[in-house]
Amino acid sequence: MLKATGIQKSYGQLPILKGVDLEVKRGEIVSIIGASGAGKSTLLHILGTLDVADKGEVTLNGVATAGLSGEALSVFRNRNIGFVFQFHHLLPEFNALENVCIPAFIAGKTRKQAEEKAMGILRLLGLGDRAYHKPNQLSGGEQQRVAVARALINDPAIILADEPSGNLDSANADLLHQFFITLRDSFGQTFVIVTHNEGLAKISDRVVTMKDGMII
């Protein structure tokens, strides 16, 4: 359901990706590991249409993303891709429920539709009783689970995560990783995760190692 072919990317004279090929099946958890500077995050941003490759092609759910631009690309991204980053990027003035609803509002859902869906996801992630708390009233682990709920709200084809547990203690990291497994097993959710966490890599369906801008 995701296919990247011949992805190349340079910044100035510095080559970051040197011809990366990657395929991901529906319902698969793929972890991408490698030293800092290997090109992992750059690849993830290109897969998520947040950056553009110099050469190569990305196809998601049968759509070649290079053929999209402007509003069409934004709509495609909103409906098909969920993002989770190392830092949760929650909006501090909104509570957990409101933060989760934002992508649904962008997609044109009514407040009732968005809030019902968001509350269901928050309950699934063990946060039903924290829905009306603002980010500064939540623990780091809870904030990251809210970010995962936000990524799930539009039923994305894929979730792309960049060091999702990198800012958490080991107990909260393990809890987050188990939620990823639950989402895969119960809903067939697909994940591509950049991580340095060995525990997360071990429970993934497949581990891809990058070095010097290549998959090895």
Protein backbone atom coordinates (compact mmCIF):
# COMPACT_ATOMS: atom_id res chain seq x y z
CA MET A 1 0.00 0.00 0.00
CA LEU A 2 3.09 2.22 0.20
CA LYS A 3 5.84 2.05 -2.39
CA ALA A 4 8.88 4.29 -2.69
CA THR A 5 11.20 3.82 -5.66
CA GLY A 6 14.61 5.38 -6.29
CA ILE A 7 14.21 8.17 -3.74
CA GLN A 8 17.06 10.69 -3.90
CA LYS A 9 17.41 13.89 -1.92
CA SER A 10 20.23 16.39 -1.50
CA TYR A 11 20.52 19.63 0.42
CA GLY A 12 22.89 21.83 -1.52
CA GLN A 13 25.89 19.67 -2.36
CA LEU A 14 25.17 17.21 0.45
CA PRO A 15 23.41 13.99 -0.66
CA ILE A 16 21.05 12.71 2.05
CA LEU A 17 19.18 9.91 0.24
CA LYS A 18 20.96 8.02 -2.50
CA GLY A 19 18.30 5.91 -4.16
CA VAL A 20 16.00 4.38 -1.54
CA ASP A 21 13.46 1.67 -2.39
CA LEU A 22 10.84 0.67 0.20
CA GLU A 23 7.56 -1.21 0.15
CA VAL A 24 5.12 -1.47 3.06
CA LYS A 25 2.14 -3.81 3.26
CA ARG A 26 -1.21 -2.90 4.77
CA GLY A 27 -1.35 -3.72 8.48
CA GLU A 28 2.43 -3.87 8.83
CA ILE A 29 4.60 -2.16 11.44
CA VAL A 30 7.94 -1.26 9.87
CA SER A 31 10.69 0.29 11.98
CA ILE A 32 13.49 2.23 10.32
CA ILE A 33 16.71 2.28 12.33
CA GLY A 34 20.20 3.62 11.80
CA ALA A 35 22.67 6.17 13.13
CA SER A 36 21.86 9.87 13.24
CA GLY A 37 22.39 11.39 9.81
CA ALA A 38 21.54 8.18 7.94
CA GLY A 39 18.56 9.87 6.25
CA LYS A 40 15.73 8.27 8.22
CA SER A 41 13.74 11.39 9.03
CA THR A 42 14.27 12.83 5.56
CA LEU A 43 12.85 9.64 4.07
CA LEU A 44 9.88 9.73 6.44
CA HIS A 45 9.11 13.34 5.49
CA ILE A 46 9.19 12.45 1.79
CA LEU A 47 6.93 9.43 2.36
CA GLY A 48 4.54 11.74 4.20
CA THR A 49 4.58 14.40 1.44
CA LEU A 50 6.05 16.95 3.86
CA ASP A 51 9.14 17.15 1.63
CA VAL A 52 9.74 16.47 -2.06
CA ALA A 53 12.31 14.06 -3.47
CA ASP A 54 14.79 15.27 -6.07
CA LYS A 55 14.29 11.98 -7.91
CA GLY A 56 12.12 8.92 -7.42
CA GLU A 57 8.46 8.19 -6.83
CA VAL A 58 6.17 7.59 -3.86
CA THR A 59 2.84 5.81 -4.32
CA LEU A 60 0.36 5.54 -1.44
CA ASN A 61 -2.90 3.62 -1.86
CA GLY A 62 -2.36 3.63 -5.60
CA VAL A 63 -1.86 7.41 -5.82
CA ALA A 64 1.45 8.83 -7.07
CA THR A 65 1.96 11.69 -4.64
CA ALA A 66 4.26 13.64 -6.98
CA GLY A 67 1.21 14.32 -9.13
CA LEU A 68 -0.48 16.26 -6.33
CA SER A 69 0.18 19.83 -5.28
CA GLY A 70 -1.38 22.68 -3.37
CA GLU A 71 -4.83 22.02 -1.92
CA ALA A 72 -5.10 18.56 -3.51
CA LEU A 73 -1.93 17.46 -1.74
CA SER A 74 -3.12 18.91 1.57
CA VAL A 75 -6.45 17.10 1.29
CA PHE A 76 -4.73 13.81 0.38
CA ARG A 77 -2.34 14.13 3.33
CA ASN A 78 -5.14 14.98 5.76
CA ARG A 79 -7.23 11.98 4.74
CA ASN A 80 -4.52 9.35 4.24
CA ILE A 81 -1.57 10.05 6.53
CA GLY A 82 -1.32 10.43 10.29
CA PHE A 83 1.82 11.86 11.88
CA VAL A 84 3.35 11.33 15.31
CA PHE A 85 6.58 13.13 16.18
CA GLN A 86 8.97 12.95 19.12
CA PHE A 87 7.39 16.06 20.59
CA HIS A 88 3.61 15.91 20.69
CA HIS A 89 2.96 19.39 19.15
CA LEU A 90 -0.37 19.70 20.95
CA LEU A 91 -1.92 23.17 20.95
CA PRO A 92 -1.73 24.37 24.58
CA GLU A 93 -4.92 26.44 24.52
CA PHE A 94 -7.09 23.43 23.60
CA ASN A 95 -7.95 20.38 25.68
CA ALA A 96 -7.15 16.82 24.63
CA LEU A 97 -10.49 16.25 22.89
CA GLU A 98 -10.21 19.49 20.92
CA ASN A 99 -6.63 18.72 19.88
CA VAL A 100 -7.69 15.31 18.57
CA CYS A 101 -10.61 16.83 16.65
CA ILE A 102 -8.58 19.37 14.67
CA PRO A 103 -7.70 17.13 11.66
CA ALA A 104 -11.35 16.01 11.51
CA PHE A 105 -12.52 19.63 11.39
CA ILE A 106 -10.05 20.27 8.56
CA ALA A 107 -11.54 17.27 6.74
CA GLY A 108 -15.02 18.83 6.98
CA LYS A 109 -16.51 16.69 9.76
CA THR A 110 -19.17 18.23 11.98
CA ARG A 111 -18.35 18.93 15.60
CA LYS A 112 -20.60 16.08 16.71
CA GLN A 113 -18.99 13.61 14.30
CA ALA A 114 -15.49 14.69 15.26
CA GLU A 115 -16.06 14.68 19.00
CA GLU A 116 -17.77 11.26 19.01
CA LYS A 117 -14.92 9.74 17.01
CA ALA A 118 -12.25 11.51 19.08
CA MET A 119 -13.77 10.38 22.37
CA GLY A 120 -13.89 6.78 21.17
CA ILE A 121 -10.21 6.86 20.27
CA LEU A 122 -9.24 8.53 23.55
CA ARG A 123 -11.10 5.82 25.47
CA LEU A 124 -9.33 3.15 23.43
CA LEU A 125 -6.00 4.70 24.41
CA GLY A 126 -6.97 4.86 28.09
CA LEU A 127 -7.58 8.62 28.10
CA GLY A 128 -11.35 8.87 28.32
CA ASP A 129 -11.17 10.55 31.73
CA ARG A 130 -8.51 13.02 30.51
CA ALA A 131 -10.38 14.33 27.47
CA TYR A 132 -11.10 17.75 28.93
CA HIS A 133 -7.62 18.34 30.34
CA LYS A 134 -5.24 20.71 28.60
CA PRO A 135 -1.74 19.51 27.63
CA ASN A 136 -0.09 21.10 30.68
CA GLN A 137 -2.38 19.00 32.88
CA LEU A 138 -1.28 15.73 31.24
CA SER A 139 1.84 13.63 31.73
CA GLY A 140 4.33 13.23 28.90
CA GLY A 141 3.01 9.77 28.12
CA GLU A 142 -0.58 11.01 28.09
CA GLN A 143 0.32 13.90 25.80
CA GLN A 144 1.93 11.51 23.32
CA ARG A 145 -1.11 9.23 23.38
CA VAL A 146 -3.27 12.28 22.59
CA ALA A 147 -0.97 12.91 19.63
CA VAL A 148 -1.52 9.30 18.50
CA ALA A 149 -5.29 9.76 18.83
CA ARG A 150 -5.04 12.91 16.70
CA ALA A 151 -3.12 10.93 14.06
CA LEU A 152 -5.90 8.30 14.02
CA ILE A 153 -8.95 10.58 13.84
CA ASN A 154 -9.36 10.48 10.04
CA ASP A 155 -8.77 6.71 9.72
CA PRO A 156 -5.48 7.22 7.81
CA ALA A 157 -4.10 4.59 5.50
CA ILE A 158 -0.78 4.90 7.30
CA ILE A 159 0.76 6.47 10.38
CA LEU A 160 4.29 7.84 10.07
CA ALA A 161 6.07 8.26 13.38
CA ASP A 162 9.44 9.93 14.00
CA GLU A 163 10.96 8.84 17.33
CA PRO A 164 7.48 8.65 18.92
CA SER A 165 8.81 7.35 22.24
CA GLY A 166 12.10 9.25 22.19
CA ASN A 167 10.90 11.74 24.81
CA LEU A 168 9.29 9.19 27.15
CA ASP A 169 10.53 7.13 30.09
CA SER A 170 10.75 3.39 29.57
CA ALA A 171 7.37 2.57 31.15
CA ASN A 172 5.47 5.09 29.04
CA ALA A 173 7.45 4.10 25.94
CA ASP A 174 6.50 0.44 26.44
CA LEU A 175 2.84 1.41 26.92
CA LEU A 176 2.87 3.45 23.70
CA HIS A 177 4.47 0.60 21.78
CA GLN A 178 1.79 -1.82 23.00
CA PHE A 179 -0.90 0.57 21.75
CA PHE A 180 0.73 0.41 18.31
CA ILE A 181 0.46 -3.38 18.42
CA THR A 182 -3.19 -3.17 19.51
CA LEU A 183 -4.00 -0.76 16.67
CA ARG A 184 -2.38 -3.07 14.15
CA ASP A 185 -4.04 -6.22 15.49
CA SER A 186 -7.52 -4.74 16.04
CA PHE A 187 -7.79 -2.32 13.13
CA GLY A 188 -5.12 -3.33 10.63
CA GLN A 189 -3.36 0.01 11.11
CA THR A 190 -0.13 0.45 9.16
CA PHE A 191 2.90 2.13 10.71
CA VAL A 192 6.30 3.29 9.49
CA ILE A 193 8.35 4.32 12.50
CA VAL A 194 11.78 5.93 12.70
CA THR A 195 13.25 4.89 16.04
CA HIS A 196 16.36 4.35 18.11
CA ASN A 197 14.35 2.28 20.59
CA GLU A 198 15.47 -1.35 20.44
CA GLY A 199 12.31 -2.56 22.18
CA LEU A 200 10.09 -0.98 19.55
CA ALA A 201 12.22 -2.39 16.75
CA LYS A 202 11.97 -5.88 18.25
CA ILE A 203 8.16 -5.91 18.31
CA SER A 204 7.86 -4.53 14.76
CA ASP A 205 6.93 -6.82 11.89
CA ARG A 206 10.02 -5.73 9.99
CA VAL A 207 13.14 -3.67 10.68
CA VAL A 208 14.78 -1.63 7.91
CA THR A 209 18.31 -0.38 8.54
CA MET A 210 19.63 2.76 6.90
CA LYS A 211 23.24 3.86 6.55
CA ASP A 212 24.65 6.83 4.63
CA GLY A 213 21.41 7.51 2.78
CA MET A 214 20.80 3.91 1.71
CA ILE A 215 18.78 0.96 2.97
CA ILE A 216 21.22 -1.81 3.81
